[in-house]
Amino acid sequence: MVKRILYVAVSLAVLLLLTYNFHNYLNTSILSFSLLKVYCYHAIAAIIVYASVDFVASKLPNQAGYAYLTLMFFKIGIFVLMFQTTVFEKESLTQPERIGLVVPLFIFLIVEAIAVGKLLNSK
């Protein structure tokens, strides 16, 4: 269990470094929020979600899918609460700001779903 969590954590850390640097390199405009904080939030949240689902799958394998769905709602809700003043206070976001919010979400969501899918299929 710990070995799987460490493997996923290292993979997500490498993904964080690569995608943030690439996104920051391509971004030419000034954003109203910290792109690094958005990427770090999604990486840390993905590690917490994976570790929680791994723990639930080891104790209650039939309930792990429900735990994953519940944690996804909490993850998005906490993101809205944490970035409410910096992101959602503006009336309209520019296109680079929208991309800066959506790209990290989908990158880490896809990797997290693949990791959790492999975990649940192995149980």
N, C-alpha and C. Protein backbone atom coordinates (compact mmCIF):
# COMPACT_ATOMS: atom_id res chain seq x y z
N MET A 1 0.82 -1.19 0.00
CA MET A 1 0.00 0.00 0.00
C MET A 1 0.87 1.25 0.00
N VAL A 2 1.86 1.32 0.87
CA VAL A 2 2.72 2.50 0.96
C VAL A 2 3.54 2.65 -0.31
N LYS A 3 3.97 1.54 -0.86
CA LYS A 3 4.78 1.57 -2.09
C LYS A 3 3.97 2.16 -3.25
N ARG A 4 2.71 1.75 -3.37
CA ARG A 4 1.85 2.29 -4.43
C ARG A 4 1.63 3.79 -4.25
N ILE A 5 1.40 4.21 -3.01
CA ILE A 5 1.15 5.63 -2.75
C ILE A 5 2.39 6.45 -3.06
N LEU A 6 3.56 5.96 -2.67
CA LEU A 6 4.80 6.68 -2.98
C LEU A 6 5.05 6.75 -4.48
N TYR A 7 4.77 5.66 -5.18
CA TYR A 7 4.94 5.65 -6.64
C TYR A 7 4.04 6.69 -7.30
N VAL A 8 2.78 6.75 -6.88
CA VAL A 8 1.85 7.74 -7.44
C VAL A 8 2.26 9.15 -7.04
N ALA A 9 2.72 9.34 -5.79
CA ALA A 9 3.14 10.66 -5.34
C ALA A 9 4.34 11.17 -6.13
N VAL A 10 5.30 10.30 -6.37
CA VAL A 10 6.47 10.70 -7.17
C VAL A 10 6.06 10.99 -8.61
N SER A 11 5.18 10.17 -9.15
CA SER A 11 4.70 10.40 -10.52
C SER A 11 3.98 11.74 -10.63
N LEU A 12 3.15 12.05 -9.65
CA LEU A 12 2.43 13.33 -9.67
C LEU A 12 3.37 14.51 -9.46
N ALA A 13 4.40 14.34 -8.66
CA ALA A 13 5.38 15.42 -8.46
C ALA A 13 6.14 15.70 -9.75
N VAL A 14 6.53 14.65 -10.45
CA VAL A 14 7.22 14.83 -11.73
C VAL A 14 6.28 15.47 -12.74
N LEU A 15 5.02 15.03 -12.75
CA LEU A 15 4.03 15.62 -13.65
C LEU A 15 3.82 17.10 -13.31
N LEU A 16 3.79 17.42 -12.03
CA LEU A 16 3.65 18.81 -11.61
C LEU A 16 4.79 19.66 -12.15
N LEU A 17 6.01 19.20 -11.98
CA LEU A 17 7.17 19.97 -12.45
C LEU A 17 7.15 20.15 -13.96
N LEU A 18 6.87 19.09 -14.68
CA LEU A 18 6.90 19.16 -16.15
C LEU A 18 5.77 20.04 -16.70
N THR A 19 4.55 19.79 -16.24
CA THR A 19 3.43 20.53 -16.82
C THR A 19 3.41 21.99 -16.38
N TYR A 20 3.78 22.27 -15.14
CA TYR A 20 3.81 23.66 -14.71
C TYR A 20 4.85 24.45 -15.50
N ASN A 21 6.04 23.91 -15.61
CA ASN A 21 7.09 24.62 -16.36
C ASN A 21 6.71 24.81 -17.82
N PHE A 22 6.09 23.80 -18.43
CA PHE A 22 5.66 23.93 -19.82
C PHE A 22 4.55 24.96 -19.96
N HIS A 23 3.59 24.92 -19.06
CA HIS A 23 2.48 25.88 -19.10
C HIS A 23 2.98 27.30 -18.84
N ASN A 24 3.87 27.44 -17.88
CA ASN A 24 4.43 28.76 -17.56
C ASN A 24 5.26 29.29 -18.73
N TYR A 25 5.95 28.41 -19.44
CA TYR A 25 6.75 28.81 -20.60
C TYR A 25 5.85 29.30 -21.73
N LEU A 26 4.73 28.62 -21.95
CA LEU A 26 3.82 29.00 -23.03
C LEU A 26 2.97 30.23 -22.70
N ASN A 27 2.76 30.50 -21.42
CA ASN A 27 1.92 31.61 -21.00
C ASN A 27 2.67 32.93 -21.18
N THR A 28 2.08 33.84 -21.93
CA THR A 28 2.72 35.12 -22.18
C THR A 28 2.02 36.28 -21.45
N SER A 29 0.87 36.02 -20.86
CA SER A 29 0.13 37.10 -20.21
C SER A 29 0.25 37.00 -18.69
N ILE A 30 -0.10 38.09 -18.04
CA ILE A 30 -0.09 38.15 -16.58
C ILE A 30 -1.43 37.60 -16.07
N LEU A 31 -1.37 36.65 -15.16
CA LEU A 31 -2.59 36.07 -14.60
C LEU A 31 -2.92 36.74 -13.27
N SER A 32 -4.19 36.74 -12.91
CA SER A 32 -4.62 37.36 -11.65
C SER A 32 -4.46 36.42 -10.46
N PHE A 33 -3.95 35.23 -10.70
CA PHE A 33 -3.73 34.24 -9.65
C PHE A 33 -2.40 33.55 -9.89
N SER A 34 -1.94 32.85 -8.89
CA SER A 34 -0.67 32.14 -9.00
C SER A 34 -0.90 30.79 -9.67
N LEU A 35 -0.31 30.61 -10.83
CA LEU A 35 -0.44 29.36 -11.55
C LEU A 35 0.21 28.22 -10.77
N LEU A 36 1.29 28.51 -10.10
CA LEU A 36 1.98 27.48 -9.30
C LEU A 36 1.08 26.98 -8.17
N LYS A 37 0.34 27.86 -7.52
CA LYS A 37 -0.56 27.44 -6.45
C LYS A 37 -1.68 26.54 -6.97
N VAL A 38 -2.18 26.84 -8.16
CA VAL A 38 -3.22 26.01 -8.76
C VAL A 38 -2.68 24.61 -9.05
N TYR A 39 -1.49 24.55 -9.64
CA TYR A 39 -0.89 23.25 -9.95
C TYR A 39 -0.57 22.48 -8.66
N CYS A 40 -0.02 23.17 -7.67
CA CYS A 40 0.30 22.49 -6.40
C CYS A 40 -0.95 21.98 -5.71
N TYR A 41 -2.02 22.75 -5.73
CA TYR A 41 -3.25 22.30 -5.12
C TYR A 41 -3.74 21.01 -5.77
N HIS A 42 -3.77 20.98 -7.08
CA HIS A 42 -4.28 19.79 -7.77
C HIS A 42 -3.38 18.58 -7.55
N ALA A 43 -2.07 18.79 -7.49
CA ALA A 43 -1.15 17.68 -7.24
C ALA A 43 -1.33 17.13 -5.83
N ILE A 44 -1.38 18.00 -4.85
CA ILE A 44 -1.53 17.56 -3.46
C ILE A 44 -2.89 16.91 -3.25
N ALA A 45 -3.93 17.49 -3.83
CA ALA A 45 -5.26 16.91 -3.70
C ALA A 45 -5.34 15.54 -4.37
N ALA A 46 -4.67 15.37 -5.49
CA ALA A 46 -4.67 14.07 -6.17
C ALA A 46 -3.96 13.02 -5.32
N ILE A 47 -2.89 13.40 -4.67
CA ILE A 47 -2.18 12.45 -3.79
C ILE A 47 -3.06 12.07 -2.60
N ILE A 48 -3.73 13.04 -2.01
CA ILE A 48 -4.61 12.77 -0.87
C ILE A 48 -5.78 11.88 -1.28
N VAL A 49 -6.37 12.16 -2.44
CA VAL A 49 -7.49 11.35 -2.92
C VAL A 49 -7.04 9.92 -3.19
N TYR A 50 -5.90 9.76 -3.84
CA TYR A 50 -5.41 8.41 -4.13
C TYR A 50 -5.11 7.65 -2.84
N ALA A 51 -4.45 8.29 -1.89
CA ALA A 51 -4.13 7.62 -0.63
C ALA A 51 -5.40 7.25 0.12
N SER A 52 -6.38 8.12 0.11
CA SER A 52 -7.64 7.82 0.79
C SER A 52 -8.38 6.66 0.14
N VAL A 53 -8.42 6.65 -1.17
CA VAL A 53 -9.09 5.56 -1.88
C VAL A 53 -8.34 4.26 -1.66
N ASP A 54 -7.01 4.31 -1.64
CA ASP A 54 -6.22 3.11 -1.37
C ASP A 54 -6.53 2.56 0.03
N PHE A 55 -6.64 3.46 1.00
CA PHE A 55 -6.97 3.03 2.36
C PHE A 55 -8.37 2.42 2.42
N VAL A 56 -9.35 3.07 1.79
CA VAL A 56 -10.71 2.55 1.79
C VAL A 56 -10.77 1.21 1.05
N ALA A 57 -10.04 1.10 -0.05
CA ALA A 57 -10.05 -0.14 -0.83
C ALA A 57 -9.44 -1.30 -0.04
N SER A 58 -8.51 -1.00 0.85
CA SER A 58 -7.93 -2.07 1.65
C SER A 58 -8.86 -2.51 2.77
N LYS A 59 -9.70 -1.62 3.26
CA LYS A 59 -10.63 -1.95 4.35
C LYS A 59 -12.01 -2.39 3.84
N LEU A 60 -12.55 -1.61 2.90
CA LEU A 60 -13.88 -1.87 2.34
C LEU A 60 -13.82 -1.81 0.81
N PRO A 61 -13.39 -2.87 0.15
CA PRO A 61 -13.18 -2.81 -1.30
C PRO A 61 -14.43 -2.45 -2.11
N ASN A 62 -15.61 -2.82 -1.62
CA ASN A 62 -16.84 -2.53 -2.37
C ASN A 62 -17.23 -1.06 -2.31
N GLN A 63 -16.70 -0.32 -1.35
CA GLN A 63 -17.08 1.07 -1.17
C GLN A 63 -16.04 2.06 -1.72
N ALA A 64 -14.98 1.56 -2.31
CA ALA A 64 -13.89 2.43 -2.77
C ALA A 64 -14.33 3.36 -3.90
N GLY A 65 -15.16 2.90 -4.79
CA GLY A 65 -15.65 3.75 -5.87
C GLY A 65 -16.48 4.91 -5.36
N TYR A 66 -17.32 4.63 -4.37
CA TYR A 66 -18.11 5.69 -3.77
C TYR A 66 -17.22 6.69 -3.03
N ALA A 67 -16.20 6.19 -2.40
CA ALA A 67 -15.25 7.07 -1.71
C ALA A 67 -14.57 7.99 -2.71
N TYR A 68 -14.21 7.45 -3.87
CA TYR A 68 -13.56 8.26 -4.90
C TYR A 68 -14.49 9.39 -5.38
N LEU A 69 -15.74 9.05 -5.65
CA LEU A 69 -16.69 10.07 -6.11
C LEU A 69 -16.91 11.15 -5.04
N THR A 70 -17.03 10.74 -3.80
CA THR A 70 -17.21 11.70 -2.71
C THR A 70 -16.00 12.61 -2.58
N LEU A 71 -14.82 12.03 -2.67
CA LEU A 71 -13.60 12.84 -2.56
C LEU A 71 -13.45 13.81 -3.74
N MET A 72 -13.95 13.44 -4.90
CA MET A 72 -13.89 14.36 -6.04
C MET A 72 -14.75 15.61 -5.78
N PHE A 73 -15.93 15.41 -5.19
CA PHE A 73 -16.77 16.55 -4.85
C PHE A 73 -16.11 17.44 -3.81
N PHE A 74 -15.51 16.82 -2.80
CA PHE A 74 -14.80 17.59 -1.79
C PHE A 74 -13.61 18.34 -2.40
N LYS A 75 -12.91 17.70 -3.30
CA LYS A 75 -11.74 18.31 -3.94
C LYS A 75 -12.14 19.58 -4.70
N ILE A 76 -13.20 19.50 -5.46
CA ILE A 76 -13.65 20.65 -6.24
C ILE A 76 -14.21 21.73 -5.30
N GLY A 77 -14.94 21.32 -4.28
CA GLY A 77 -15.48 22.29 -3.32
C GLY A 77 -14.39 23.03 -2.57
N ILE A 78 -13.38 22.33 -2.14
CA ILE A 78 -12.27 22.98 -1.43
C ILE A 78 -11.50 23.90 -2.36
N PHE A 79 -11.37 23.52 -3.64
CA PHE A 79 -10.71 24.40 -4.61
C PHE A 79 -11.48 25.72 -4.73
N VAL A 80 -12.79 25.62 -4.83
CA VAL A 80 -13.61 26.84 -4.95
C VAL A 80 -13.46 27.70 -3.70
N LEU A 81 -13.44 27.08 -2.53
CA LEU A 81 -13.29 27.85 -1.29
C LEU A 81 -11.91 28.49 -1.17
N MET A 82 -10.87 27.76 -1.55
CA MET A 82 -9.51 28.29 -1.41
C MET A 82 -9.20 29.40 -2.40
N PHE A 83 -9.71 29.29 -3.62
CA PHE A 83 -9.37 30.25 -4.67
C PHE A 83 -10.53 31.20 -4.97
N GLN A 84 -11.48 31.30 -4.06
CA GLN A 84 -12.65 32.13 -4.28
C GLN A 84 -12.29 33.60 -4.45
N THR A 85 -11.44 34.13 -3.59
CA THR A 85 -11.15 35.56 -3.65
C THR A 85 -10.24 35.92 -4.82
N THR A 86 -9.35 35.02 -5.21
CA THR A 86 -8.42 35.35 -6.28
C THR A 86 -8.95 35.04 -7.67
N VAL A 87 -9.82 34.06 -7.77
CA VAL A 87 -10.25 33.62 -9.10
C VAL A 87 -11.70 33.99 -9.38
N PHE A 88 -12.58 33.68 -8.46
CA PHE A 88 -14.00 33.79 -8.75
C PHE A 88 -14.61 35.14 -8.38
N GLU A 89 -13.78 36.07 -7.95
CA GLU A 89 -14.27 37.39 -7.60
C GLU A 89 -14.41 38.27 -8.85
N LYS A 90 -13.61 37.99 -9.87
CA LYS A 90 -13.68 38.78 -11.10
C LYS A 90 -14.96 38.45 -11.86
N GLU A 91 -15.45 39.45 -12.60
CA GLU A 91 -16.67 39.22 -13.38
C GLU A 91 -16.41 38.28 -14.54
N SER A 92 -15.31 38.50 -15.24
CA SER A 92 -15.00 37.61 -16.36
C SER A 92 -13.50 37.36 -16.39
N LEU A 93 -13.16 36.13 -16.69
CA LEU A 93 -11.75 35.75 -16.78
C LEU A 93 -11.30 35.84 -18.23
N THR A 94 -10.05 36.18 -18.42
CA THR A 94 -9.51 36.20 -19.77
C THR A 94 -9.27 34.76 -20.22
N GLN A 95 -9.03 34.57 -21.49
CA GLN A 95 -8.82 33.22 -22.03
C GLN A 95 -7.60 32.54 -21.40
N PRO A 96 -6.45 33.20 -21.24
CA PRO A 96 -5.32 32.54 -20.57
C PRO A 96 -5.62 32.16 -19.12
N GLU A 97 -6.44 32.97 -18.42
CA GLU A 97 -6.80 32.64 -17.05
C GLU A 97 -7.72 31.42 -17.01
N ARG A 98 -8.64 31.33 -17.94
CA ARG A 98 -9.52 30.15 -18.02
C ARG A 98 -8.70 28.89 -18.29
N ILE A 99 -7.78 29.01 -19.21
CA ILE A 99 -6.92 27.86 -19.53
C ILE A 99 -6.07 27.50 -18.33
N GLY A 100 -5.59 28.50 -17.61
CA GLY A 100 -4.77 28.26 -16.43
C GLY A 100 -5.52 27.56 -15.31
N LEU A 101 -6.83 27.64 -15.30
CA LEU A 101 -7.62 26.93 -14.30
C LEU A 101 -8.05 25.54 -14.77
N VAL A 102 -8.35 25.41 -16.03
CA VAL A 102 -8.91 24.16 -16.54
C VAL A 102 -7.84 23.12 -16.85
N VAL A 103 -6.72 23.54 -17.42
CA VAL A 103 -5.68 22.59 -17.81
C VAL A 103 -5.14 21.79 -16.63
N PRO A 104 -4.75 22.43 -15.52
CA PRO A 104 -4.27 21.62 -14.38
C PRO A 104 -5.34 20.68 -13.83
N LEU A 105 -6.58 21.14 -13.80
CA LEU A 105 -7.67 20.30 -13.32
C LEU A 105 -7.76 19.02 -14.14
N PHE A 106 -7.79 19.14 -15.45
CA PHE A 106 -7.95 17.96 -16.29
C PHE A 106 -6.70 17.09 -16.33
N ILE A 107 -5.53 17.69 -16.29
CA ILE A 107 -4.30 16.89 -16.29
C ILE A 107 -4.25 15.98 -15.06
N PHE A 108 -4.45 16.57 -13.90
CA PHE A 108 -4.37 15.78 -12.67
C PHE A 108 -5.59 14.88 -12.49
N LEU A 109 -6.75 15.28 -13.00
CA LEU A 109 -7.93 14.44 -12.92
C LEU A 109 -7.76 13.18 -13.75
N ILE A 110 -7.19 13.31 -14.94
CA ILE A 110 -6.97 12.15 -15.81
C ILE A 110 -5.96 11.20 -15.18
N VAL A 111 -4.85 11.72 -14.70
CA VAL A 111 -3.83 10.86 -14.10
C VAL A 111 -4.36 10.21 -12.83
N GLU A 112 -5.08 10.96 -12.04
CA GLU A 112 -5.67 10.41 -10.81
C GLU A 112 -6.69 9.32 -11.14
N ALA A 113 -7.52 9.54 -12.13
CA ALA A 113 -8.52 8.53 -12.51
C ALA A 113 -7.86 7.26 -13.03
N ILE A 114 -6.78 7.40 -13.78
CA ILE A 114 -6.06 6.22 -14.26
C ILE A 114 -5.46 5.45 -13.09
N ALA A 115 -4.84 6.16 -12.16
CA ALA A 115 -4.22 5.49 -11.01
C ALA A 115 -5.27 4.81 -10.13
N VAL A 116 -6.38 5.49 -9.87
CA VAL A 116 -7.43 4.90 -9.05
C VAL A 116 -8.09 3.73 -9.80
N GLY A 117 -8.25 3.86 -11.10
CA GLY A 117 -8.80 2.76 -11.90
C GLY A 117 -7.94 1.51 -11.84
N LYS A 118 -6.63 1.70 -11.96
CA LYS A 118 -5.72 0.56 -11.83
C LYS A 118 -5.79 -0.06 -10.44
N LEU A 119 -5.87 0.81 -9.44
CA LEU A 119 -5.96 0.34 -8.06
C LEU A 119 -7.23 -0.51 -7.85
N LEU A 120 -8.36 0.01 -8.31
CA LEU A 120 -9.63 -0.68 -8.10
C LEU A 120 -9.71 -1.97 -8.92
N ASN A 121 -9.10 -1.99 -10.09
CA ASN A 121 -9.10 -3.21 -10.89
C ASN A 121 -8.21 -4.29 -10.30
N SER A 122 -7.20 -3.89 -9.54
CA SER A 122 -6.31 -4.86 -8.94
C SER A 122 -6.90 -5.49 -7.68
N LYS A 123 -7.91 -4.86 -7.11
CA LYS A 123 -8.51 -5.37 -5.86
C LYS A 123 -9.61 -6.35 -6.14
